[in-house]
C-alpha cells in the first residue's frame, strides 16, 4: 500500500468519526432547544420520554373533559332558548405551559377554551325569550321600574354589598321624570333596558302606537343615559306577535320571565325568599320590582340562589352563549 493511499484511508476514518461526534452533539442541541426552559436535568433521551408522557396525559384529559356546544333552539313552551358554548382543553397551550413549569410530581394546570355554538339567538327569527339555557348555571334578576323610587336606592345598596350586577327595565315616562336616579343605576354598573313608555298593554295597541311606545323609550335611553338598547320587556308581560316583530325591527329582543316574585301583591319578604330560592334553576329570569317585599328579601334571595351553585348576572350575560369557565 503506498503512502498516498494510506493517507486517504486515514482521512476517511477521521471524517466518519468527526461526523459521528457532530451528529451526537446536534442531537443534544436539538434536545436542549426543544425544551429551553423545562427545568428538566435528565439526559436528552429522557427529556423526550418525560415530555411525551406529559403530552399523552394532557391529550387523555382533553378527550375526557370535552363538552360539545349546544345550539340555540325554539322550544314549544319556552320559545327561543339561547345556545351554550362547549368546552375543550387547549392541548397545545397546556403542553407548552406544562413544559415551562415542569417539576417531577407537579400537577398540570389545564388551559381551556370555548367551542362556539353554531346556532345563536340571532339565527332563530322573531320569537320571545322566557329563559336562558338550562345548562348555564346563571340566573338574572329582572327589575321592572315604573314606580317605587323609595326602594330603589336600598336595593342598589344591597346589590353593591353582594357584588351583583343585574338588569333594570325602565318605563320611559319614569325615566323622563327621574333621570338622576336612572343615572345612579347606570353608575352602579347595572344594565338598563326598555319597558315601553307609558306601561300599556302592548297587545291592545295599534302598530303605530306600539312602535311609538318602544321607540320613545329607546331614544330616551340613548339621549339620557348613553345606552344602546338591546332588550324589551313588555309591561305586565302583555304582548302579541306584532309586539315582538316591532321590537325586532328596532334591533331589540323581547324578553319575559321564568319566575315571578309577584311582589306587587305585597307578600312577606320571607315568602318571597322561600319561593325564589326553592324554585330558581339554571337560566331562570326572575321578575321583581322596587317594592318593600323585594327590597327586604333581596339579600337573602341572592344568598339562597348562590347556595344552589348559581351565578347571578345581567340579562345579557344570562342569555349569552358564553360559558362559565372553570
C-alpha atoms as a PDB file:
ATOM      1  CA  UNK A   1       0.000   0.000   0.000  1.00  0.00           C
ATOM      2  CA  UNK A   2       1.546   3.294  -0.998  1.00  0.00           C
ATOM      3  CA  UNK A   3       1.777   6.373   1.221  1.00  0.00           C
ATOM      4  CA  UNK A   4      -0.865   8.262  -0.757  1.00  0.00           C
ATOM      5  CA  UNK A   5      -3.497   5.533  -0.322  1.00  0.00           C
ATOM      6  CA  UNK A   6      -2.810   5.250   3.418  1.00  0.00           C
ATOM      7  CA  UNK A   7      -3.363   8.990   3.781  1.00  0.00           C
ATOM      8  CA  UNK A   8      -6.719   8.794   2.048  1.00  0.00           C
ATOM      9  CA  UNK A   9      -7.915   5.910   4.223  1.00  0.00           C
ATOM     10  CA  UNK A  10      -6.923   7.701   7.390  1.00  0.00           C
ATOM     11  CA  UNK A  11      -8.674  10.842   6.261  1.00  0.00           C
ATOM     12  CA  UNK A  12     -11.853   8.874   5.542  1.00  0.00           C
ATOM     13  CA  UNK A  13     -11.853   7.273   9.005  1.00  0.00           C
ATOM     14  CA  UNK A  14     -11.285  10.637  10.633  1.00  0.00           C
ATOM     15  CA  UNK A  15     -14.200  12.098   8.694  1.00  0.00           C
ATOM     16  CA  UNK A  16     -16.582   9.299   9.802  1.00  0.00           C
ATOM     17  CA  UNK A  17     -15.516   9.797  13.394  1.00  0.00           C
ATOM     18  CA  UNK A  18     -15.993  13.545  13.121  1.00  0.00           C
ATOM     19  CA  UNK A  19     -19.439  13.122  11.614  1.00  0.00           C
ATOM     20  CA  UNK A  20     -20.479  10.790  14.426  1.00  0.00           C
ATOM     21  CA  UNK A  21     -19.329  13.289  17.039  1.00  0.00           C
ATOM     22  CA  UNK A  22     -21.101  16.170  15.258  1.00  0.00           C
ATOM     23  CA  UNK A  23     -24.331  14.149  14.921  1.00  0.00           C
ATOM     24  CA  UNK A  24     -24.407  13.381  18.641  1.00  0.00           C
ATOM     25  CA  UNK A  25     -23.745  16.967  19.512  1.00  0.00           C
ATOM     26  CA  UNK A  26     -26.507  18.128  17.163  1.00  0.00           C
ATOM     27  CA  UNK A  27     -28.971  15.674  18.723  1.00  0.00           C
ATOM     28  CA  UNK A  28     -28.105  17.087  22.125  1.00  0.00           C
ATOM     29  CA  UNK A  29     -28.513  20.685  20.962  1.00  0.00           C
ATOM     30  CA  UNK A  30     -31.875  19.829  19.440  1.00  0.00           C
ATOM     31  CA  UNK A  31     -32.941  18.215  22.707  1.00  0.00           C
ATOM     32  CA  UNK A  32     -31.989  21.346  24.618  1.00  0.00           C
ATOM     33  CA  UNK A  33     -33.610  23.790  22.199  1.00  0.00           C
ATOM     34  CA  UNK A  34     -36.863  21.839  22.043  1.00  0.00           C
ATOM     35  CA  UNK A  35     -37.421  22.431  25.761  1.00  0.00           C
ATOM     36  CA  UNK A  36     -35.494  25.649  26.510  1.00  0.00           C
ATOM     37  CA  UNK A  37     -36.901  26.339  29.973  1.00  0.00           C
ATOM     38  CA  UNK A  38     -38.244  22.978  31.041  1.00  0.00           C
ATOM     39  CA  UNK A  39     -36.104  22.709  34.155  1.00  0.00           C
ATOM     40  CA  UNK A  40     -35.512  19.004  33.457  1.00  0.00           C
ATOM     41  CA  UNK A  41     -31.974  17.831  34.217  1.00  0.00           C
ATOM     42  CA  UNK A  42     -32.196  14.329  32.695  1.00  0.00           C
ATOM     43  CA  UNK A  43     -30.237  13.321  29.627  1.00  0.00           C
ATOM     44  CA  UNK A  44     -31.695  14.391  26.245  1.00  0.00           C
ATOM     45  CA  UNK A  45     -33.278  10.982  25.572  1.00  0.00           C
ATOM     46  CA  UNK A  46     -35.004  11.046  28.993  1.00  0.00           C
ATOM     47  CA  UNK A  47     -36.377  14.519  28.217  1.00  0.00           C
ATOM     48  CA  UNK A  48     -38.229  13.256  25.205  1.00  0.00           C
ATOM     49  CA  UNK A  49     -39.775  10.456  27.276  1.00  0.00           C
ATOM     50  CA  UNK A  50     -40.901  12.835  30.039  1.00  0.00           C
ATOM     51  CA  UNK A  51     -42.426  15.293  27.629  1.00  0.00           C
ATOM     52  CA  UNK A  52     -44.114  12.580  25.626  1.00  0.00           C
ATOM     53  CA  UNK A  53     -45.687  11.374  28.861  1.00  0.00           C
ATOM     54  CA  UNK A  54     -46.868  14.934  29.596  1.00  0.00           C
ATOM     55  CA  UNK A  55     -48.427  15.234  26.159  1.00  0.00           C
ATOM     56  CA  UNK A  56     -50.159  11.856  26.460  1.00  0.00           C
ATOM     57  CA  UNK A  57     -51.589  12.834  29.854  1.00  0.00           C
ATOM     58  CA  UNK A  58     -52.894  16.141  28.503  1.00  0.00           C
ATOM     59  CA  UNK A  59     -54.456  14.534  25.431  1.00  0.00           C
ATOM     60  CA  UNK A  60     -56.167  11.883  27.586  1.00  0.00           C
ATOM     61  CA  UNK A  61     -57.623  14.558  29.862  1.00  0.00           C
ATOM     62  CA  UNK A  62     -58.740  16.605  26.840  1.00  0.00           C
ATOM     63  CA  UNK A  63     -60.664  13.631  25.444  1.00  0.00           C
ATOM     64  CA  UNK A  64     -62.290  13.061  28.841  1.00  0.00           C
ATOM     65  CA  UNK A  65     -63.469  16.597  29.636  1.00  0.00           C
ATOM     66  CA  UNK A  66     -64.574  17.829  26.202  1.00  0.00           C
ATOM     67  CA  UNK A  67     -68.164  19.142  26.224  1.00  0.00           C
ATOM     68  CA  UNK A  68     -69.964  19.712  22.942  1.00  0.00           C
ATOM     69  CA  UNK A  69     -71.710  23.080  22.376  1.00  0.00           C
ATOM     70  CA  UNK A  70     -75.484  23.373  22.392  1.00  0.00           C
ATOM     71  CA  UNK A  71     -77.166  25.367  19.651  1.00  0.00           C
ATOM     72  CA  UNK A  72     -79.901  27.922  20.268  1.00  0.00           C
ATOM     73  CA  UNK A  73     -83.329  26.487  19.523  1.00  0.00           C
ATOM     74  CA  UNK A  74     -87.031  27.233  19.509  1.00  0.00           C
ATOM     75  CA  UNK A  75     -88.951  25.336  22.187  1.00  0.00           C
ATOM     76  CA  UNK A  76     -92.695  24.697  22.009  1.00  0.00           C
ATOM     77  CA  UNK A  77     -93.150  26.063  25.543  1.00  0.00           C
ATOM     78  CA  UNK A  78     -90.214  28.394  26.265  1.00  0.00           C
ATOM     79  CA  UNK A  79     -89.911  29.734  22.701  1.00  0.00           C
ATOM     80  CA  UNK A  80     -86.380  30.995  21.899  1.00  0.00           C
ATOM     81  CA  UNK A  81     -83.732  29.388  24.092  1.00  0.00           C
ATOM     82  CA  UNK A  82     -80.121  30.549  23.716  1.00  0.00           C
ATOM     83  CA  UNK A  83     -77.297  28.142  22.973  1.00  0.00           C
ATOM     84  CA  UNK A  84     -74.405  27.361  25.275  1.00  0.00           C
ATOM     85  CA  UNK A  85     -70.795  27.120  24.165  1.00  0.00           C
ATOM     86  CA  UNK A  86     -68.896  23.882  24.588  1.00  0.00           C
ATOM     87  CA  UNK A  87     -65.593  23.365  26.368  1.00  0.00           C
ATOM     88  CA  UNK A  88     -62.283  21.764  25.469  1.00  0.00           C
ATOM     89  CA  UNK A  89     -58.699  21.678  26.681  1.00  0.00           C
ATOM     90  CA  UNK A  90     -56.315  23.751  24.588  1.00  0.00           C
ATOM     91  CA  UNK A  91     -53.806  20.920  24.222  1.00  0.00           C
ATOM     92  CA  UNK A  92     -51.029  22.955  22.600  1.00  0.00           C
ATOM     93  CA  UNK A  93     -51.166  25.837  25.080  1.00  0.00           C
ATOM     94  CA  UNK A  94     -51.452  23.469  28.057  1.00  0.00           C
ATOM     95  CA  UNK A  95     -48.489  21.411  26.848  1.00  0.00           C
ATOM     96  CA  UNK A  96     -46.298  24.458  26.270  1.00  0.00           C
ATOM     97  CA  UNK A  97     -47.115  25.749  29.749  1.00  0.00           C
ATOM     98  CA  UNK A  98     -46.522  22.331  31.324  1.00  0.00           C
ATOM     99  CA  UNK A  99     -43.071  22.083  29.703  1.00  0.00           C
ATOM    100  CA  UNK A 100     -42.113  25.517  31.013  1.00  0.00           C
ATOM    101  CA  UNK A 101     -43.317  24.799  34.544  1.00  0.00           C
ATOM    102  CA  UNK A 102     -42.421  21.116  34.825  1.00  0.00           C
ATOM    103  CA  UNK A 103     -41.216  19.675  38.122  1.00  0.00           C
ATOM    104  CA  UNK A 104     -41.365  15.943  38.929  1.00  0.00           C
ATOM    105  CA  UNK A 105     -44.717  15.146  40.542  1.00  0.00           C
ATOM    106  CA  UNK A 106     -46.197  18.592  39.939  1.00  0.00           C
ATOM    107  CA  UNK A 107     -49.841  18.784  38.725  1.00  0.00           C
ATOM    108  CA  UNK A 108     -50.693  20.004  35.244  1.00  0.00           C
ATOM    109  CA  UNK A 109     -52.605  23.284  35.031  1.00  0.00           C
ATOM    110  CA  UNK A 110     -55.033  22.919  32.138  1.00  0.00           C
ATOM    111  CA  UNK A 111     -55.888  25.775  29.818  1.00  0.00           C
ATOM    112  CA  UNK A 112     -59.447  25.657  28.486  1.00  0.00           C
ATOM    113  CA  UNK A 113     -61.193  27.301  25.565  1.00  0.00           C
ATOM    114  CA  UNK A 114     -64.798  27.554  24.483  1.00  0.00           C
ATOM    115  CA  UNK A 115     -66.283  25.785  21.475  1.00  0.00           C
ATOM    116  CA  UNK A 116     -68.770  28.272  19.966  1.00  0.00           C
ATOM    117  CA  UNK A 117     -72.360  27.176  19.408  1.00  0.00           C
ATOM    118  CA  UNK A 118     -73.139  27.194  15.701  1.00  0.00           C
ATOM    119  CA  UNK A 119     -76.722  28.473  16.074  1.00  0.00           C
ATOM    120  CA  UNK A 120     -77.296  31.633  18.123  1.00  0.00           C
ATOM    121  CA  UNK A 121     -80.383  33.581  19.190  1.00  0.00           C
ATOM    122  CA  UNK A 122     -79.964  35.902  16.216  1.00  0.00           C
ATOM    123  CA  UNK A 123     -80.362  32.930  13.889  1.00  0.00           C
ATOM    124  CA  UNK A 124     -83.749  31.831  15.248  1.00  0.00           C
ATOM    125  CA  UNK A 125     -86.011  34.518  13.816  1.00  0.00           C
ATOM    126  CA  UNK A 126     -88.639  36.533  15.664  1.00  0.00           C
ATOM    127  CA  UNK A 127     -89.563  34.867  18.973  1.00  0.00           C
ATOM    128  CA  UNK A 128     -89.950  35.961  22.612  1.00  0.00           C
ATOM    129  CA  UNK A 129     -87.495  34.702  25.228  1.00  0.00           C
ATOM    130  CA  UNK A 130     -88.529  33.403  28.637  1.00  0.00           C
ATOM    131  CA  UNK A 131     -85.330  31.838  29.931  1.00  0.00           C
ATOM    132  CA  UNK A 132     -81.645  31.197  29.385  1.00  0.00           C
ATOM    133  CA  UNK A 133     -80.055  27.876  28.525  1.00  0.00           C
ATOM    134  CA  UNK A 134     -80.929  25.274  31.207  1.00  0.00           C
ATOM    135  CA  UNK A 135     -77.312  24.091  31.329  1.00  0.00           C
ATOM    136  CA  UNK A 136     -75.851  27.505  32.138  1.00  0.00           C
ATOM    137  CA  UNK A 137     -75.650  27.884  35.947  1.00  0.00           C
ATOM    138  CA  UNK A 138     -76.656  31.541  35.945  1.00  0.00           C
ATOM    139  CA  UNK A 139     -79.842  33.478  36.664  1.00  0.00           C
ATOM    140  CA  UNK A 140     -80.783  37.130  36.251  1.00  0.00           C
ATOM    141  CA  UNK A 141     -82.891  39.443  38.374  1.00  0.00           C
ATOM    142  CA  UNK A 142     -85.180  41.477  36.085  1.00  0.00           C
ATOM    143  CA  UNK A 143     -86.203  44.616  37.962  1.00  0.00           C
ATOM    144  CA  UNK A 144     -89.007  46.467  36.167  1.00  0.00           C
ATOM    145  CA  UNK A 145     -89.189  50.134  37.186  1.00  0.00           C
ATOM    146  CA  UNK A 146     -92.222  52.386  36.727  1.00  0.00           C
ATOM    147  CA  UNK A 147     -92.654  53.388  40.375  1.00  0.00           C
ATOM    148  CA  UNK A 148     -91.199  52.554  43.810  1.00  0.00           C
ATOM    149  CA  UNK A 149     -88.443  55.181  43.989  1.00  0.00           C
ATOM    150  CA  UNK A 150     -88.169  54.891  47.772  1.00  0.00           C
ATOM    151  CA  UNK A 151     -86.957  51.284  47.470  1.00  0.00           C
ATOM    152  CA  UNK A 152     -84.526  51.705  44.607  1.00  0.00           C
ATOM    153  CA  UNK A 153     -81.502  53.025  46.499  1.00  0.00           C
ATOM    154  CA  UNK A 154     -81.823  50.416  49.293  1.00  0.00           C
ATOM    155  CA  UNK A 155     -81.962  47.719  46.589  1.00  0.00           C
ATOM    156  CA  UNK A 156     -78.942  49.215  44.837  1.00  0.00           C
ATOM    157  CA  UNK A 157     -77.063  49.226  48.138  1.00  0.00           C
ATOM    158  CA  UNK A 158     -77.861  45.553  48.710  1.00  0.00           C
ATOM    159  CA  UNK A 159     -76.735  44.667  45.190  1.00  0.00           C
ATOM    160  CA  UNK A 160     -73.466  46.525  45.855  1.00  0.00           C
ATOM    161  CA  UNK A 161     -72.959  44.702  49.156  1.00  0.00           C
ATOM    162  CA  UNK A 162     -73.458  41.347  47.441  1.00  0.00           C
ATOM    163  CA  UNK A 163     -71.413  42.338  44.365  1.00  0.00           C
ATOM    164  CA  UNK A 164     -74.309  41.606  42.000  1.00  0.00           C
ATOM    165  CA  UNK A 165     -74.972  43.309  38.672  1.00  0.00           C
ATOM    166  CA  UNK A 166     -78.377  42.869  37.105  1.00  0.00           C
ATOM    167  CA  UNK A 167     -80.844  44.424  34.651  1.00  0.00           C
ATOM    168  CA  UNK A 168     -83.352  47.208  35.267  1.00  0.00           C
ATOM    169  CA  UNK A 169     -86.120  47.654  32.680  1.00  0.00           C
ATOM    170  CA  UNK A 170     -87.149  51.313  32.763  1.00  0.00           C
ATOM    171  CA  UNK A 171     -90.562  52.722  31.914  1.00  0.00           C
ATOM    172  CA  UNK A 172     -89.905  55.683  29.602  1.00  0.00           C
ATOM    173  CA  UNK A 173     -92.172  58.120  31.421  1.00  0.00           C
ATOM    174  CA  UNK A 174     -90.469  57.192  34.711  1.00  0.00           C
ATOM    175  CA  UNK A 175     -87.061  57.704  33.095  1.00  0.00           C
ATOM    176  CA  UNK A 176     -88.053  61.153  31.861  1.00  0.00           C
ATOM    177  CA  UNK A 177     -89.095  62.190  35.388  1.00  0.00           C
ATOM    178  CA  UNK A 178     -86.165  60.540  37.179  1.00  0.00           C
ATOM    179  CA  UNK A 179     -83.030  60.943  35.056  1.00  0.00           C
ATOM    180  CA  UNK A 180     -80.740  61.305  38.087  1.00  0.00           C
ATOM    181  CA  UNK A 181     -81.981  58.118  39.728  1.00  0.00           C
ATOM    182  CA  UNK A 182     -81.696  56.285  36.411  1.00  0.00           C
ATOM    183  CA  UNK A 183     -78.144  57.589  36.033  1.00  0.00           C
ATOM    184  CA  UNK A 184     -77.349  56.256  39.513  1.00  0.00           C
ATOM    185  CA  UNK A 185     -78.437  52.769  38.393  1.00  0.00           C
ATOM    186  CA  UNK A 186     -76.047  53.001  35.445  1.00  0.00           C
ATOM    187  CA  UNK A 187     -73.278  54.425  37.629  1.00  0.00           C
ATOM    188  CA  UNK A 188     -73.534  51.397  39.905  1.00  0.00           C
ATOM    189  CA  UNK A 189     -72.735  49.177  36.912  1.00  0.00           C
ATOM    190  CA  UNK A 190     -76.149  47.723  36.111  1.00  0.00           C
ATOM    191  CA  UNK A 191     -77.726  47.101  32.736  1.00  0.00           C
ATOM    192  CA  UNK A 192     -80.731  49.314  31.866  1.00  0.00           C
ATOM    193  CA  UNK A 193     -83.240  48.360  29.181  1.00  0.00           C
ATOM    194  CA  UNK A 194     -86.648  49.145  27.632  1.00  0.00           C
ATOM    195  CA  UNK A 195     -90.014  48.741  29.405  1.00  0.00           C
ATOM    196  CA  UNK A 196     -92.107  50.806  26.934  1.00  0.00           C
ATOM    197  CA  UNK A 197     -93.051  54.425  27.648  1.00  0.00           C
ATOM    198  CA  UNK A 198     -96.384  54.536  29.489  1.00  0.00           C
ATOM    199  CA  UNK A 199     -96.797  50.968  30.815  1.00  0.00           C
ATOM    200  CA  UNK A 200     -99.569  49.978  28.357  1.00  0.00           C
ATOM    201  CA  UNK A 201    -100.942  46.564  27.439  1.00  0.00           C
ATOM    202  CA  UNK A 202     -98.959  46.186  24.241  1.00  0.00           C
ATOM    203  CA  UNK A 203    -101.297  43.624  22.657  1.00  0.00           C
ATOM    204  CA  UNK A 204    -104.169  46.138  22.607  1.00  0.00           C
ATOM    205  CA  UNK A 205    -102.248  48.863  20.743  1.00  0.00           C
ATOM    206  CA  UNK A 206    -102.209  49.715  17.068  1.00  0.00           C
ATOM    207  CA  UNK A 207     -98.933  49.051  15.276  1.00  0.00           C
ATOM    208  CA  UNK A 208     -98.124  52.779  15.159  1.00  0.00           C
ATOM    209  CA  UNK A 209     -98.786  53.283  18.882  1.00  0.00           C
ATOM    210  CA  UNK A 210     -96.900  50.130  19.860  1.00  0.00           C
ATOM    211  CA  UNK A 211     -93.887  51.262  17.868  1.00  0.00           C
ATOM    212  CA  UNK A 212     -94.061  54.716  19.477  1.00  0.00           C
ATOM    213  CA  UNK A 213     -94.073  53.190  22.975  1.00  0.00           C
ATOM    214  CA  UNK A 214     -90.876  51.258  22.264  1.00  0.00           C
ATOM    215  CA  UNK A 215     -89.177  53.950  20.177  1.00  0.00           C
ATOM    216  CA  UNK A 216     -89.648  56.788  22.707  1.00  0.00           C
ATOM    217  CA  UNK A 217     -88.020  54.826  25.499  1.00  0.00           C
ATOM    218  CA  UNK A 218     -85.277  53.580  23.216  1.00  0.00           C
ATOM    219  CA  UNK A 219     -84.485  57.183  22.300  1.00  0.00           C
ATOM    220  CA  UNK A 220     -84.571  58.321  25.926  1.00  0.00           C
ATOM    221  CA  UNK A 221     -82.169  55.579  26.981  1.00  0.00           C
ATOM    222  CA  UNK A 222     -79.750  56.778  24.342  1.00  0.00           C
ATOM    223  CA  UNK A 223     -80.112  60.518  24.975  1.00  0.00           C
ATOM    224  CA  UNK A 224     -80.357  60.484  28.776  1.00  0.00           C
ATOM    225  CA  UNK A 225     -78.025  57.634  29.651  1.00  0.00           C
ATOM    226  CA  UNK A 226     -75.967  56.906  26.541  1.00  0.00           C
ATOM    227  CA  UNK A 227     -77.333  53.358  26.490  1.00  0.00           C
ATOM    228  CA  UNK A 228     -77.614  51.256  23.335  1.00  0.00           C
ATOM    229  CA  UNK A 229     -80.862  49.393  23.986  1.00  0.00           C
ATOM    230  CA  UNK A 230     -80.868  45.597  23.342  1.00  0.00           C
ATOM    231  CA  UNK A 231     -83.828  44.123  25.234  1.00  0.00           C
ATOM    232  CA  UNK A 232     -87.529  44.932  25.509  1.00  0.00           C
ATOM    233  CA  UNK A 233     -89.712  43.729  28.405  1.00  0.00           C
ATOM    234  CA  UNK A 234     -93.461  44.204  27.731  1.00  0.00           C
ATOM    235  CA  UNK A 235     -95.294  45.827  30.677  1.00  0.00           C
ATOM    236  CA  UNK A 236     -97.302  43.287  32.683  1.00  0.00           C
ATOM    237  CA  UNK A 237     -95.988  40.608  30.325  1.00  0.00           C
ATOM    238  CA  UNK A 238     -98.701  41.580  27.844  1.00  0.00           C
ATOM    239  CA  UNK A 239     -97.708  41.282  24.175  1.00  0.00           C
ATOM    240  CA  UNK A 240     -98.548  39.671  20.849  1.00  0.00           C
ATOM    241  CA  UNK A 241     -96.551  38.682  17.803  1.00  0.00           C
ATOM    242  CA  UNK A 242     -96.861  42.213  16.454  1.00  0.00           C
ATOM    243  CA  UNK A 243     -95.068  43.454  19.587  1.00  0.00           C
ATOM    244  CA  UNK A 244     -92.203  41.023  19.087  1.00  0.00           C
ATOM    245  CA  UNK A 245     -91.888  41.984  15.421  1.00  0.00           C
ATOM    246  CA  UNK A 246     -91.855  45.726  16.147  1.00  0.00           C
ATOM    247  CA  UNK A 247     -89.174  45.290  18.784  1.00  0.00           C
ATOM    248  CA  UNK A 248     -87.176  43.051  16.448  1.00  0.00           C
ATOM    249  CA  UNK A 249     -87.331  45.650  13.674  1.00  0.00           C
ATOM    250  CA  UNK A 250     -85.758  48.129  16.098  1.00  0.00           C
ATOM    251  CA  UNK A 251     -82.942  45.736  16.975  1.00  0.00           C
ATOM    252  CA  UNK A 252     -84.492  44.535  20.252  1.00  0.00           C
ATOM    253  CA  UNK A 253     -85.278  41.061  21.520  1.00  0.00           C
ATOM    254  CA  UNK A 254     -88.466  40.645  23.558  1.00  0.00           C
ATOM    255  CA  UNK A 255     -87.750  39.114  26.950  1.00  0.00           C
ATOM    256  CA  UNK A 256     -90.166  37.967  29.653  1.00  0.00           C
ATOM    257  CA  UNK A 257     -89.572  35.949  32.820  1.00  0.00           C
ATOM    258  CA  UNK A 258     -89.311  32.387  34.058  1.00  0.00           C
ATOM    259  CA  UNK A 259     -90.103  33.002  37.723  1.00  0.00           C
ATOM    260  CA  UNK A 260     -92.137  35.853  39.255  1.00  0.00           C
ATOM    261  CA  UNK A 261     -91.836  37.229  42.792  1.00  0.00           C
ATOM    262  CA  UNK A 262     -95.373  38.694  42.417  1.00  0.00           C
ATOM    263  CA  UNK A 263     -94.047  41.349  44.786  1.00  0.00           C
ATOM    264  CA  UNK A 264     -96.724  43.871  43.744  1.00  0.00           C
ATOM    265  CA  UNK A 265     -99.176  41.830  45.832  1.00  0.00           C
ATOM    266  CA  UNK A 266     -97.104  42.710  48.939  1.00  0.00           C
ATOM    267  CA  UNK A 267     -96.140  39.182  50.062  1.00  0.00           C
ATOM    268  CA  UNK A 268     -93.958  38.802  53.138  1.00  0.00           C
ATOM    269  CA  UNK A 269     -90.220  39.010  52.429  1.00  0.00           C
ATOM    270  CA  UNK A 270     -89.825  35.535  53.908  1.00  0.00           C
ATOM    271  CA  UNK A 271     -92.292  34.033  51.432  1.00  0.00           C
ATOM    272  CA  UNK A 272     -90.503  35.749  48.525  1.00  0.00           C
ATOM    273  CA  UNK A 273     -87.159  34.336  49.677  1.00  0.00           C
ATOM    274  CA  UNK A 274     -88.616  30.848  50.047  1.00  0.00           C
ATOM    275  CA  UNK A 275     -90.285  30.902  46.641  1.00  0.00           C
ATOM    276  CA  UNK A 276     -87.278  32.156  44.718  1.00  0.00           C
ATOM    277  CA  UNK A 277     -84.584  30.121  46.449  1.00  0.00           C
ATOM    278  CA  UNK A 278     -86.502  26.856  46.203  1.00  0.00           C
ATOM    279  CA  UNK A 279     -87.615  27.283  42.574  1.00  0.00           C
ATOM    280  CA  UNK A 280     -84.652  29.029  40.923  1.00  0.00           C
ATOM    281  CA  UNK A 281     -82.898  26.899  38.319  1.00  0.00           C
ATOM    282  CA  UNK A 282     -80.116  27.465  35.760  1.00  0.00           C
ATOM    283  CA  UNK A 283     -81.100  30.004  33.116  1.00  0.00           C
ATOM    284  CA  UNK A 284     -84.027  31.490  35.050  1.00  0.00           C
ATOM    285  CA  UNK A 285     -85.057  35.126  34.626  1.00  0.00           C
ATOM    286  CA  UNK A 286     -86.550  36.303  37.917  1.00  0.00           C
ATOM    287  CA  UNK A 287     -89.039  39.173  37.817  1.00  0.00           C
ATOM    288  CA  UNK A 288     -89.288  41.775  40.565  1.00  0.00           C
ATOM    289  CA  UNK A 289     -90.000  45.454  41.129  1.00  0.00           C
ATOM    290  CA  UNK A 290     -88.743  48.103  43.568  1.00  0.00           C
ATOM    291  CA  UNK A 291     -91.189  47.122  46.335  1.00  0.00           C
ATOM    292  CA  UNK A 292     -90.861  46.750  50.088  1.00  0.00           C
ATOM    293  CA  UNK A 293     -91.200  42.958  49.775  1.00  0.00           C
ATOM    294  CA  UNK A 294     -88.404  42.561  47.245  1.00  0.00           C
ATOM    295  CA  UNK A 295     -86.199  45.169  48.891  1.00  0.00           C
ATOM    296  CA  UNK A 296     -86.286  43.327  52.223  1.00  0.00           C
ATOM    297  CA  UNK A 297     -85.994  39.903  50.585  1.00  0.00           C
ATOM    298  CA  UNK A 298     -83.190  40.765  48.169  1.00  0.00           C
ATOM    299  CA  UNK A 299     -80.143  39.919  50.295  1.00  0.00           C
ATOM    300  CA  UNK A 300     -81.446  36.524  51.395  1.00  0.00           C
ATOM    301  CA  UNK A 301     -82.629  35.793  47.841  1.00  0.00           C
ATOM    302  CA  UNK A 302     -79.146  36.405  46.463  1.00  0.00           C
ATOM    303  CA  UNK A 303     -77.509  34.276  49.146  1.00  0.00           C
ATOM    304  CA  UNK A 304     -80.041  31.467  48.643  1.00  0.00           C
ATOM    305  CA  UNK A 305     -79.554  31.469  44.873  1.00  0.00           C
ATOM    306  CA  UNK A 306     -75.787  31.299  45.275  1.00  0.00           C
ATOM    307  CA  UNK A 307     -76.120  28.471  47.785  1.00  0.00           C
ATOM    308  CA  UNK A 308     -77.566  26.410  44.936  1.00  0.00           C
ATOM    309  CA  UNK A 309     -74.356  26.908  42.948  1.00  0.00           C
ATOM    310  CA  UNK A 310     -75.878  29.503  40.629  1.00  0.00           C
ATOM    311  CA  UNK A 311     -74.218  32.705  39.450  1.00  0.00           C
ATOM    312  CA  UNK A 312     -76.227  35.931  39.165  1.00  0.00           C
ATOM    313  CA  UNK A 313     -75.708  38.146  36.129  1.00  0.00           C
ATOM    314  CA  UNK A 314     -77.405  40.615  33.841  1.00  0.00           C
ATOM    315  CA  UNK A 315     -79.979  39.532  31.280  1.00  0.00           C
ATOM    316  CA  UNK A 316     -77.322  39.905  28.586  1.00  0.00           C
ATOM    317  CA  UNK A 317     -74.929  37.653  30.484  1.00  0.00           C
ATOM    318  CA  UNK A 318     -77.549  35.038  31.281  1.00  0.00           C
ATOM    319  CA  UNK A 319     -78.829  34.862  27.703  1.00  0.00           C
ATOM    320  CA  UNK A 320     -75.335  34.847  26.201  1.00  0.00           C
ATOM    321  CA  UNK A 321     -73.937  31.543  24.877  1.00  0.00           C
ATOM    322  CA  UNK A 322     -70.668  32.343  26.717  1.00  0.00           C
ATOM    323  CA  UNK A 323     -69.742  29.508  29.003  1.00  0.00           C
ATOM    324  CA  UNK A 324     -68.963  29.952  32.683  1.00  0.00           C
ATOM    325  CA  UNK A 325     -65.360  28.772  32.570  1.00  0.00           C
ATOM    326  CA  UNK A 326     -63.660  26.502  35.116  1.00  0.00           C
END
